[in-house]
């Protein structure tokens, strides 16, 4: 926050400098224009003086050869800004006066009148007004007013509106140029920061030059990049250790599990044992196979999560791969209460895709097996293959319960948090909080693995809601050009 405040303070000072600069330019231009364009008699004060002098002149009258000012005229003169007044006759002699200073002459030549009528009389600013053949002179206090006489051409005054227009236009251009200049400076200073942020988003080290207006931000950004790189390194080591640990445990369990399976197979086939003992041995064998499959799934989902599972990409026909998957189920036997229906659109028969067929078969088997496991009373599993945009679409449905909403919620939460629950199942209640396994277990390993395999190919894996509130699975293959998919994702 301190860095942002310092940068903001610099730009605030820049804005103040721009404002002062523009104001000074305008004041200089305005002052110069006033000196050139303003007339000596312009303005409100000039208008008031003219009307006042006219009233006083009309109040000054000659009676029996003596000039007298009426009471109204005297009141006007006393209330005005004039401190003295005098009337000169045609010979330049004073014929009447009011509060005339002693320092002033009592007679003036034509040359004297010509000078003080335009400037000052003994440092008194004066105004003159004609009264018949005579001249009325009004004096203001010393240091009270400044007398400036300016002569300007009429043609120039006629162009005044156009001059004002250009003056405003030049101001706008000046402001626009200054805005562009400072915007460019800001862009140049902020561009390395934006590039550094892009590097952080791409998980690349940020090396922002630590200079200019954003030097302190650059320092903080480089420090953050260094910390993130260190953290990513530690996380990568932890993830690698976790993956290697799971792989090691899977390898260590595989040998004793093979022995259990082998001995259980021998016991199940031993005629010397009773029927009940052989049945228990068969159950042990089936449980061992399930454990082996779960361990393999755990190992694979860990590798897919951390992108350490290579994809062995080959060109294949989606229709043929689906038939192969269903044929395996029927060859192994699925029970009389189950049936798998396959619907393949004719236009998909010749479409070719690129993918890891071994992993894709694993995903398809998990989706079909999920419907079989969770419908113990039997169901019809339907898999439909149809064309979709520039690829194909698989839709896995069944006539049974479908995928519960809480299972879908758990998988979506895992994707949002980018975290996979430990073990071969995630245990959740309806509100998504942990719960004891024996109360209400939610097994998502098979669906999670299928989703990871599809996502690893860059395809879309979506849950489609039924009217009943449960879900089916839709897989959309985004393209069918085998050359557009990379041949391997190495870890």
Protein backbone atom coordinates (compact mmCIF):
# COMPACT_ATOMS: atom_id res chain seq x y z
CA UNK A 1 0.00 0.00 0.00
CA UNK A 2 2.92 2.36 0.71
CA UNK A 3 4.25 1.74 -2.80
CA UNK A 4 0.87 2.55 -4.32
CA UNK A 5 0.64 5.71 -2.22
CA UNK A 6 4.08 6.89 -3.35
CA UNK A 7 3.24 6.26 -6.99
CA UNK A 8 -0.11 8.02 -6.57
CA UNK A 9 1.62 10.95 -4.88
CA UNK A 10 3.99 11.33 -7.82
CA UNK A 11 1.12 11.42 -10.27
CA UNK A 12 -0.78 13.86 -8.05
CA UNK A 13 2.21 16.21 -8.17
CA UNK A 14 2.39 15.75 -11.92
CA UNK A 15 -1.28 16.70 -12.19
CA UNK A 16 -0.66 19.79 -10.01
CA UNK A 17 2.28 20.84 -12.20
CA UNK A 18 0.15 20.45 -15.34
CA UNK A 19 -2.66 22.48 -13.79
CA UNK A 20 -0.34 25.31 -12.70
CA UNK A 21 1.36 25.32 -16.08
CA UNK A 22 -1.91 25.57 -18.01
CA UNK A 23 -3.26 28.26 -15.66
CA UNK A 24 -0.10 30.35 -16.04
CA UNK A 25 -0.18 30.05 -19.81
CA UNK A 26 -3.81 31.16 -19.84
CA UNK A 27 -3.11 34.07 -17.51
CA UNK A 28 -0.24 35.30 -19.66
CA UNK A 29 -2.29 35.01 -22.82
CA UNK A 30 -5.28 36.67 -21.16
CA UNK A 31 -3.18 39.54 -19.79
CA UNK A 32 -1.56 40.11 -23.17
CA UNK A 33 -4.95 40.05 -24.84
CA UNK A 34 -6.36 42.50 -22.35
CA UNK A 35 -3.52 44.91 -22.94
CA UNK A 36 -4.05 44.75 -26.67
CA UNK A 37 -7.80 44.48 -26.89
CA UNK A 38 -9.21 46.29 -23.87
CA UNK A 39 -10.04 49.98 -24.43
CA UNK A 40 -9.39 52.68 -21.92
CA UNK A 41 -13.08 53.29 -21.47
CA UNK A 42 -14.20 49.70 -21.31
CA UNK A 43 -15.47 47.95 -18.25
CA UNK A 44 -18.03 48.60 -15.61
CA UNK A 45 -16.07 51.40 -13.94
CA UNK A 46 -15.88 53.33 -17.20
CA UNK A 47 -19.62 53.07 -17.75
CA UNK A 48 -20.33 54.30 -14.22
CA UNK A 49 -17.89 57.22 -14.58
CA UNK A 50 -19.46 58.28 -17.84
CA UNK A 51 -22.98 58.34 -16.47
CA UNK A 52 -21.83 60.03 -13.26
CA UNK A 53 -19.91 62.74 -15.11
CA UNK A 54 -22.94 63.34 -17.31
CA UNK A 55 -25.19 63.82 -14.27
CA UNK A 56 -22.75 66.16 -12.52
CA UNK A 57 -22.25 68.19 -15.70
CA UNK A 58 -25.96 68.65 -16.06
CA UNK A 59 -26.17 69.78 -12.42
CA UNK A 60 -23.47 72.50 -12.89
CA UNK A 61 -25.19 75.70 -14.01
CA UNK A 62 -24.23 79.33 -14.49
CA UNK A 63 -26.27 81.92 -12.58
CA UNK A 64 -25.48 85.65 -12.98
CA UNK A 65 -22.09 84.80 -14.43
CA UNK A 66 -21.23 82.46 -11.53
CA UNK A 67 -21.04 78.66 -11.87
CA UNK A 68 -22.90 76.75 -9.17
CA UNK A 69 -23.48 73.07 -8.54
CA UNK A 70 -26.91 71.99 -7.39
CA UNK A 71 -27.37 70.12 -4.14
CA UNK A 72 -28.15 66.90 -6.02
CA UNK A 73 -25.01 67.25 -8.12
CA UNK A 74 -22.93 68.00 -5.04
CA UNK A 75 -24.24 64.87 -3.32
CA UNK A 76 -23.42 62.80 -6.36
CA UNK A 77 -19.91 64.23 -6.48
CA UNK A 78 -19.30 63.62 -2.76
CA UNK A 79 -20.44 60.03 -2.98
CA UNK A 80 -18.37 59.31 -6.07
CA UNK A 81 -14.76 58.17 -6.29
CA UNK A 82 -13.73 61.67 -7.47
CA UNK A 83 -11.90 63.65 -4.80
CA UNK A 84 -11.85 66.97 -6.64
CA UNK A 85 -13.26 68.60 -9.79
CA UNK A 86 -12.79 71.80 -11.82
CA UNK A 87 -14.24 73.58 -14.85
CA UNK A 88 -11.86 75.15 -17.38
CA UNK A 89 -13.11 77.88 -19.66
CA UNK A 90 -12.12 78.31 -23.29
CA UNK A 91 -8.89 80.09 -22.20
CA UNK A 92 -7.81 77.31 -19.83
CA UNK A 93 -8.63 79.26 -16.68
CA UNK A 94 -10.48 77.66 -13.78
CA UNK A 95 -14.09 78.90 -13.77
CA UNK A 96 -15.33 76.59 -10.99
CA UNK A 97 -13.76 74.04 -8.66
CA UNK A 98 -14.53 71.56 -5.91
CA UNK A 99 -11.93 70.56 -3.25
CA UNK A 100 -9.16 71.59 -5.63
CA UNK A 101 -5.71 70.70 -4.21
CA UNK A 102 -3.40 73.62 -3.57
CA UNK A 103 -0.60 72.04 -5.54
CA UNK A 104 -2.51 72.31 -8.82
CA UNK A 105 -2.18 75.26 -11.18
CA UNK A 106 -5.06 77.62 -11.80
CA UNK A 107 -4.43 77.97 -15.51
CA UNK A 108 -3.66 75.34 -18.18
CA UNK A 109 -2.57 75.55 -21.78
CA UNK A 110 -3.84 73.43 -24.60
CA UNK A 111 -0.68 71.30 -24.33
CA UNK A 112 -1.34 70.76 -20.59
CA UNK A 113 -4.89 69.69 -21.29
CA UNK A 114 -3.73 67.33 -24.03
CA UNK A 115 -1.35 65.57 -21.62
CA UNK A 116 -3.43 65.21 -18.47
CA UNK A 117 -6.63 64.29 -20.36
CA UNK A 118 -4.86 61.05 -21.42
CA UNK A 119 -2.70 60.37 -18.36
CA UNK A 120 -2.25 62.09 -15.00
CA UNK A 121 -2.38 65.61 -13.57
CA UNK A 122 0.25 65.98 -10.84
CA UNK A 123 -0.01 62.21 -10.17
CA UNK A 124 -3.81 62.41 -9.92
CA UNK A 125 -5.65 60.10 -12.35
CA UNK A 126 -8.18 62.33 -14.10
CA UNK A 127 -11.23 61.99 -16.30
CA UNK A 128 -12.46 64.79 -18.61
CA UNK A 129 -15.89 65.67 -19.93
CA UNK A 130 -16.93 68.38 -22.35
CA UNK A 131 -19.42 70.99 -21.23
CA UNK A 132 -20.21 73.24 -24.17
CA UNK A 133 -17.03 75.24 -24.97
CA UNK A 134 -15.61 74.38 -21.61
CA UNK A 135 -13.89 71.28 -20.16
CA UNK A 136 -14.86 69.55 -16.94
CA UNK A 137 -11.96 67.77 -15.18
CA UNK A 138 -12.55 65.14 -12.48
CA UNK A 139 -9.66 63.97 -10.28
CA UNK A 140 -9.27 60.72 -8.38
CA UNK A 141 -7.05 60.08 -5.39
CA UNK A 142 -3.36 59.39 -5.79
CA UNK A 143 -2.65 55.65 -5.69
CA UNK A 144 -6.35 54.85 -5.93
CA UNK A 145 -6.63 54.18 -9.65
CA UNK A 146 -4.31 53.26 -12.49
CA UNK A 147 -4.77 55.03 -15.80
CA UNK A 148 -3.99 52.95 -18.90
CA UNK A 149 -4.86 54.13 -22.37
CA UNK A 150 -4.84 51.51 -25.07
CA UNK A 151 -5.63 52.02 -28.73
CA UNK A 152 -6.66 49.01 -30.78
CA UNK A 153 -7.84 48.47 -34.33
CA UNK A 154 -11.50 47.95 -35.06
CA UNK A 155 -10.71 45.07 -37.42
CA UNK A 156 -9.02 43.28 -34.54
CA UNK A 157 -12.04 43.68 -32.30
CA UNK A 158 -14.28 42.34 -35.05
CA UNK A 159 -12.15 39.19 -35.08
CA UNK A 160 -12.42 38.78 -31.31
CA UNK A 161 -14.95 35.83 -31.43
CA UNK A 162 -12.70 33.97 -33.82
CA UNK A 163 -9.69 34.69 -31.62
CA UNK A 164 -11.54 33.31 -28.58
CA UNK A 165 -12.43 30.18 -30.55
CA UNK A 166 -8.82 29.53 -31.49
CA UNK A 167 -7.75 30.31 -27.94
CA UNK A 168 -10.07 27.60 -26.57
CA UNK A 169 -8.97 25.18 -29.29
CA UNK A 170 -5.30 25.72 -28.46
CA UNK A 171 -6.06 25.10 -24.79
CA UNK A 172 -7.75 21.81 -25.64
CA UNK A 173 -4.86 20.77 -27.86
CA UNK A 174 -2.40 21.64 -25.12
CA UNK A 175 -4.31 19.62 -22.55
CA UNK A 176 -4.65 16.71 -24.98
CA UNK A 177 -0.92 16.75 -25.74
CA UNK A 178 -0.07 16.81 -22.04
CA UNK A 179 -2.52 13.98 -21.36
CA UNK A 180 -0.95 11.89 -24.15
CA UNK A 181 2.54 12.59 -22.84
CA UNK A 182 1.77 11.54 -19.28
CA UNK A 183 -0.36 8.60 -20.45
CA UNK A 184 2.57 7.35 -22.50
CA UNK A 185 4.88 7.75 -19.51
CA UNK A 186 2.41 5.85 -17.36
CA UNK A 187 2.09 3.13 -20.01
CA UNK A 188 5.86 2.73 -20.26
CA UNK A 189 6.19 2.51 -16.49
CA UNK A 190 3.28 0.11 -16.00
CA UNK A 191 3.99 -2.18 -18.98
CA UNK A 192 6.79 -4.13 -17.23
CA UNK A 193 4.49 -4.59 -14.23
CA UNK A 194 1.77 -6.05 -16.49
CA UNK A 195 4.32 -8.34 -18.14
CA UNK A 196 5.48 -9.47 -14.71
CA UNK A 197 1.90 -10.26 -13.68
CA UNK A 198 1.44 -12.25 -16.91
CA UNK A 199 4.59 -14.20 -16.04
CA UNK A 200 3.21 -14.97 -12.60
CA UNK A 201 -0.08 -16.14 -14.15
CA UNK A 202 1.92 -18.45 -16.43
CA UNK A 203 3.92 -19.68 -13.41
CA UNK A 204 7.08 -18.19 -14.85
CA UNK A 205 9.61 -16.11 -12.90
CA UNK A 206 9.00 -12.36 -13.11
CA UNK A 207 12.04 -10.11 -13.61
CA UNK A 208 10.74 -6.55 -13.71
CA UNK A 209 13.26 -3.67 -14.04
CA UNK A 210 13.37 -1.86 -10.71
CA UNK A 211 13.42 1.73 -11.96
CA UNK A 212 11.12 4.58 -12.85
CA UNK A 213 7.84 5.51 -11.22
CA UNK A 214 6.98 1.89 -10.47
CA UNK A 215 10.33 0.89 -9.01
CA UNK A 216 8.90 -0.03 -5.61
CA UNK A 217 6.08 -2.04 -7.17
CA UNK A 218 8.67 -3.84 -9.30
CA UNK A 219 10.65 -4.74 -6.16
CA UNK A 220 7.55 -6.17 -4.48
CA UNK A 221 6.54 -8.05 -7.63
CA UNK A 222 9.99 -9.59 -8.01
CA UNK A 223 9.93 -10.63 -4.37
CA UNK A 224 6.48 -12.18 -4.79
CA UNK A 225 7.72 -14.02 -7.89
CA UNK A 226 10.70 -15.38 -6.01
CA UNK A 227 8.50 -16.58 -3.13
CA UNK A 228 6.03 -18.21 -5.53
CA UNK A 229 8.83 -19.98 -7.39
CA UNK A 230 10.16 -21.32 -4.12
CA UNK A 231 6.67 -22.39 -3.07
CA UNK A 232 6.00 -24.08 -6.43
CA UNK A 233 9.29 -25.93 -6.10
CA UNK A 234 8.33 -27.21 -2.65
CA UNK A 235 4.86 -28.20 -3.86
CA UNK A 236 6.33 -30.00 -6.86
CA UNK A 237 8.68 -31.94 -4.57
CA UNK A 238 5.78 -32.78 -2.25
CA UNK A 239 3.58 -33.92 -5.12
CA UNK A 240 6.37 -36.00 -6.60
CA UNK A 241 7.03 -37.57 -3.21
CA UNK A 242 3.31 -38.32 -2.84
CA UNK A 243 3.12 -39.88 -6.29
CA UNK A 244 6.24 -41.96 -5.67
CA UNK A 245 4.91 -43.02 -2.28
CA UNK A 246 1.60 -44.16 -3.79
CA UNK A 247 3.45 -45.97 -6.56
CA UNK A 248 5.76 -47.63 -3.99
CA UNK A 249 2.86 -48.70 -1.79
CA UNK A 250 1.03 -50.06 -4.83
CA UNK A 251 4.11 -52.07 -5.80
CA UNK A 252 4.63 -53.37 -2.26
CA UNK A 253 0.99 -54.46 -1.95
CA UNK A 254 0.94 -56.12 -5.35
CA UNK A 255 3.17 -59.05 -4.34
CA UNK A 256 1.26 -60.18 -1.22
CA UNK A 257 -2.00 -59.51 -3.02
CA UNK A 258 -0.90 -61.84 -5.80
CA UNK A 259 -0.15 -64.54 -3.23
CA UNK A 260 -3.58 -64.08 -1.65
CA UNK A 261 -5.26 -64.32 -5.04
CA UNK A 262 -3.24 -67.40 -6.01
CA UNK A 263 -3.86 -69.26 -2.76
CA UNK A 264 -7.54 -68.33 -2.83
CA UNK A 265 -7.78 -69.69 -6.37
CA UNK A 266 -6.14 -72.96 -5.28
CA UNK A 267 -8.43 -73.29 -2.30
CA UNK A 268 -11.51 -72.58 -4.40
CA UNK A 269 -10.48 -75.35 -6.82
CA UNK A 270 -9.49 -77.88 -4.12
CA UNK A 271 -12.04 -80.73 -4.12
CA UNK A 272 -10.89 -81.81 -0.68
CA UNK A 273 -12.51 -78.74 0.84
CA UNK A 274 -16.17 -78.43 1.54
CA UNK A 275 -18.56 -76.34 -0.54
CA UNK A 276 -18.70 -73.61 2.06
CA UNK A 277 -14.89 -73.34 2.29
CA UNK A 278 -14.50 -73.18 -1.49
CA UNK A 279 -17.17 -70.47 -1.63
CA UNK A 280 -15.32 -68.38 0.98
CA UNK A 281 -12.07 -68.85 -0.95
CA UNK A 282 -13.81 -67.55 -4.08
CA UNK A 283 -15.03 -64.53 -2.19
CA UNK A 284 -11.49 -63.88 -0.94
CA UNK A 285 -10.26 -64.08 -4.52
CA UNK A 286 -12.89 -61.60 -5.74
CA UNK A 287 -12.12 -59.20 -2.87
CA UNK A 288 -8.41 -59.39 -3.65
CA UNK A 289 -9.10 -58.56 -7.29
CA UNK A 290 -11.21 -55.57 -6.21
CA UNK A 291 -8.43 -54.36 -3.92
CA UNK A 292 -5.93 -54.72 -6.75
CA UNK A 293 -8.15 -52.71 -9.07
CA UNK A 294 -8.63 -49.99 -6.46
CA UNK A 295 -4.89 -49.74 -5.89
CA UNK A 296 -4.31 -49.47 -9.63
CA UNK A 297 -6.99 -46.77 -9.86
CA UNK A 298 -5.41 -44.83 -6.98
CA UNK A 299 -2.00 -45.00 -8.61
CA UNK A 300 -3.39 -43.88 -11.97
CA UNK A 301 -5.51 -41.03 -10.58
CA UNK A 302 -2.47 -39.72 -8.69
CA UNK A 303 -0.38 -39.70 -11.86
CA UNK A 304 -3.14 -38.02 -13.85
CA UNK A 305 -3.61 -35.36 -11.20
CA UNK A 306 0.05 -34.34 -11.30
CA UNK A 307 0.41 -34.95 -15.06
CA UNK A 308 3.02 -37.67 -14.65
CA UNK A 309 1.05 -40.24 -16.65
CA UNK A 310 2.13 -40.22 -20.33
CA UNK A 311 -0.62 -40.44 -22.94
CA UNK A 312 0.27 -42.91 -25.65
CA UNK A 313 -1.69 -41.31 -28.47
CA UNK A 314 -2.80 -43.37 -31.45
CA UNK A 315 -5.44 -42.94 -34.12
CA UNK A 316 -8.63 -44.94 -33.48
CA UNK A 317 -12.30 -45.18 -34.49
CA UNK A 318 -14.61 -44.08 -31.63
CA UNK A 319 -17.32 -46.52 -32.79
CA UNK A 320 -14.90 -49.46 -32.81
CA UNK A 321 -13.52 -48.56 -29.36
CA UNK A 322 -17.03 -48.49 -27.89
CA UNK A 323 -17.88 -51.91 -29.38
CA UNK A 324 -14.62 -53.32 -27.98
CA UNK A 325 -15.48 -52.07 -24.48
CA UNK A 326 -18.99 -53.55 -24.51
CA UNK A 327 -17.72 -56.85 -25.95
CA UNK A 328 -15.27 -57.21 -23.01
CA UNK A 329 -18.15 -56.90 -20.56
CA UNK A 330 -20.19 -59.58 -22.31
CA UNK A 331 -17.15 -61.86 -22.59
CA UNK A 332 -16.56 -61.57 -18.84
CA UNK A 333 -20.24 -61.99 -18.04
CA UNK A 334 -22.40 -59.29 -16.51
CA UNK A 335 -25.36 -61.24 -15.15
CA UNK A 336 -28.82 -61.90 -16.52
CA UNK A 337 -30.34 -58.80 -14.86
CA UNK A 338 -28.07 -56.42 -16.79
CA UNK A 339 -28.02 -55.39 -20.42
CA UNK A 340 -25.84 -52.97 -22.37
CA UNK A 341 -27.40 -51.21 -25.37
CA UNK A 342 -25.21 -49.47 -27.94
CA UNK A 343 -26.51 -46.83 -30.36
CA UNK A 344 -24.01 -45.66 -32.94
CA UNK A 345 -24.96 -43.01 -35.50
CA UNK A 346 -24.06 -43.97 -39.07
CA UNK A 347 -22.12 -40.73 -39.68
CA UNK A 348 -19.69 -41.57 -36.85
CA UNK A 349 -18.50 -44.89 -38.30
CA UNK A 350 -15.72 -43.35 -40.40
CA UNK A 351 -14.67 -40.63 -37.95
CA UNK A 352 -11.18 -41.04 -36.55
CA UNK A 353 -9.88 -39.58 -33.29
CA UNK A 354 -6.54 -39.55 -31.53
CA UNK A 355 -6.10 -40.71 -27.95
CA UNK A 356 -4.76 -43.26 -25.50
CA UNK A 357 -7.08 -46.19 -26.19
CA UNK A 358 -5.97 -48.10 -23.09
CA UNK A 359 -6.93 -45.23 -20.77
CA UNK A 360 -10.12 -44.49 -22.71
CA UNK A 361 -11.25 -48.12 -22.38
CA UNK A 362 -10.55 -47.80 -18.65
CA UNK A 363 -12.76 -44.70 -18.46
CA UNK A 364 -15.61 -46.36 -20.44
CA UNK A 365 -15.45 -49.48 -18.25
CA UNK A 366 -15.62 -47.32 -15.11
CA UNK A 367 -18.74 -45.50 -16.36
CA UNK A 368 -20.54 -48.69 -17.36
CA UNK A 369 -19.38 -50.46 -14.20
CA UNK A 370 -20.65 -47.57 -12.10
CA UNK A 371 -24.20 -48.15 -13.43
CA UNK A 372 -23.92 -51.90 -12.79
CA UNK A 373 -22.54 -51.60 -9.25
CA UNK A 374 -25.12 -49.08 -8.05
CA UNK A 375 -28.16 -50.90 -9.46
CA UNK A 376 -28.05 -54.29 -7.71
CA UNK A 377 -31.54 -55.20 -8.92
CA UNK A 378 -30.44 -54.89 -12.54
CA UNK A 379 -30.72 -52.20 -15.19
CA UNK A 380 -30.21 -51.43 -18.85
CA UNK A 381 -27.07 -49.42 -19.60
CA UNK A 382 -27.34 -47.34 -22.76
CA UNK A 383 -24.35 -45.81 -24.55
CA UNK A 384 -25.10 -43.55 -27.51
CA UNK A 385 -22.45 -42.30 -29.95
CA UNK A 386 -23.39 -39.37 -32.17
CA UNK A 387 -21.70 -36.65 -34.21
CA UNK A 388 -21.01 -33.38 -32.40
CA UNK A 389 -19.67 -30.24 -34.07
CA UNK A 390 -16.27 -31.30 -35.44
CA UNK A 391 -16.07 -34.45 -33.29
CA UNK A 392 -18.20 -37.08 -31.60
CA UNK A 393 -20.22 -37.37 -28.42
CA UNK A 394 -20.67 -40.29 -26.01
CA UNK A 395 -23.72 -40.33 -23.75
CA UNK A 396 -23.79 -42.88 -20.89
CA UNK A 397 -27.22 -43.45 -19.33
CA UNK A 398 -29.00 -46.26 -17.53
CA UNK A 399 -32.54 -47.23 -16.59
CA UNK A 400 -31.63 -47.33 -12.92
CA UNK A 401 -31.02 -44.68 -10.31
CA UNK A 402 -28.43 -42.63 -12.19
CA UNK A 403 -25.59 -40.73 -10.52
CA UNK A 404 -26.71 -39.09 -7.23
CA UNK A 405 -26.49 -35.32 -6.95
CA UNK A 406 -24.24 -35.50 -3.89
CA UNK A 407 -21.65 -37.49 -5.90
CA UNK A 408 -21.70 -34.86 -8.66
CA UNK A 409 -21.34 -32.13 -6.04
CA UNK A 410 -18.30 -33.82 -4.51
CA UNK A 411 -16.58 -34.13 -7.91
CA UNK A 412 -17.34 -30.52 -8.80
CA UNK A 413 -15.98 -29.31 -5.45
CA UNK A 414 -12.81 -31.33 -6.05
CA UNK A 415 -12.36 -29.73 -9.45
CA UNK A 416 -12.91 -26.25 -8.05
CA UNK A 417 -10.41 -26.77 -5.25
CA UNK A 418 -7.99 -28.75 -7.48
CA UNK A 419 -7.73 -31.35 -4.74
CA UNK A 420 -8.37 -35.10 -4.73
CA UNK A 421 -9.51 -36.85 -1.57
CA UNK A 422 -7.21 -39.52 -0.09
CA UNK A 423 -7.90 -43.22 -0.54
CA UNK A 424 -10.11 -44.92 -3.02
CA UNK A 425 -13.28 -43.10 -1.98
CA UNK A 426 -14.44 -39.74 -0.70
CA UNK A 427 -16.72 -39.79 2.31
CA UNK A 428 -19.26 -36.98 2.37
CA UNK A 429 -22.67 -36.21 3.81
CA UNK A 430 -25.38 -34.42 1.91
CA UNK A 431 -23.87 -31.07 2.91
CA UNK A 432 -20.41 -32.09 1.71
CA UNK A 433 -18.80 -32.45 5.16
CA UNK A 434 -16.80 -35.54 6.23
CA UNK A 435 -18.77 -38.44 7.61
CA UNK A 436 -18.02 -41.89 8.96
CA UNK A 437 -17.70 -44.53 6.25
CA UNK A 438 -20.26 -46.90 7.70
CA UNK A 439 -22.99 -44.25 7.84
CA UNK A 440 -23.24 -42.90 4.32
CA UNK A 441 -20.23 -43.56 2.06
CA UNK A 442 -19.85 -41.88 -1.32
CA UNK A 443 -17.56 -43.76 -3.70
CA UNK A 444 -16.28 -41.47 -6.46
CA UNK A 445 -12.99 -43.12 -7.44
CA UNK A 446 -14.33 -44.66 -10.66
CA UNK A 447 -16.07 -41.49 -11.81
CA UNK A 448 -13.11 -39.34 -10.76
CA UNK A 449 -10.69 -41.48 -12.75
CA UNK A 450 -12.94 -41.43 -15.84
CA UNK A 451 -13.21 -37.66 -15.61
CA UNK A 452 -9.43 -37.26 -15.22
CA UNK A 453 -8.74 -39.43 -18.27
CA UNK A 454 -11.16 -37.46 -20.43
CA UNK A 455 -9.82 -34.08 -19.20
CA UNK A 456 -6.23 -35.24 -19.83
CA UNK A 457 -7.18 -35.64 -23.52
CA UNK A 458 -8.54 -32.10 -23.61
CA UNK A 459 -12.09 -33.34 -24.09
CA UNK A 460 -15.27 -32.29 -22.27
CA UNK A 461 -16.72 -34.33 -19.40
CA UNK A 462 -20.16 -33.15 -18.27
CA UNK A 463 -22.93 -34.35 -15.98
CA UNK A 464 -26.41 -34.05 -17.54
CA UNK A 465 -29.28 -33.72 -15.10
CA UNK A 466 -32.35 -35.93 -15.41
CA UNK A 467 -35.86 -34.87 -14.50
CA UNK A 468 -35.57 -37.10 -11.41
CA UNK A 469 -32.64 -35.04 -10.12
CA UNK A 470 -29.91 -37.61 -10.77
CA UNK A 471 -27.32 -37.38 -13.54
CA UNK A 472 -25.93 -39.07 -16.65
CA UNK A 473 -22.49 -38.55 -18.22
CA UNK A 474 -21.70 -36.90 -21.55
CA UNK A 475 -18.23 -36.98 -23.13
CA UNK A 476 -17.61 -34.63 -26.06
CA UNK A 477 -14.54 -35.24 -28.22
CA UNK A 478 -13.51 -31.75 -29.29
CA UNK A 479 -11.85 -32.72 -32.57
CA UNK A 480 -11.41 -35.75 -34.81
CA UNK A 481 -8.18 -34.66 -36.52
CA UNK A 482 -5.52 -37.02 -35.23
CA UNK A 483 -2.74 -34.60 -36.17
CA UNK A 484 -4.03 -31.88 -33.87
CA UNK A 485 -3.50 -33.81 -30.61
CA UNK A 486 -0.02 -34.06 -29.10
CA UNK A 487 1.46 -37.52 -29.09
CA UNK A 488 2.37 -37.58 -25.41
CA UNK A 489 2.04 -35.66 -22.15
CA UNK A 490 5.21 -36.36 -20.28
CA UNK A 491 5.71 -35.82 -16.58
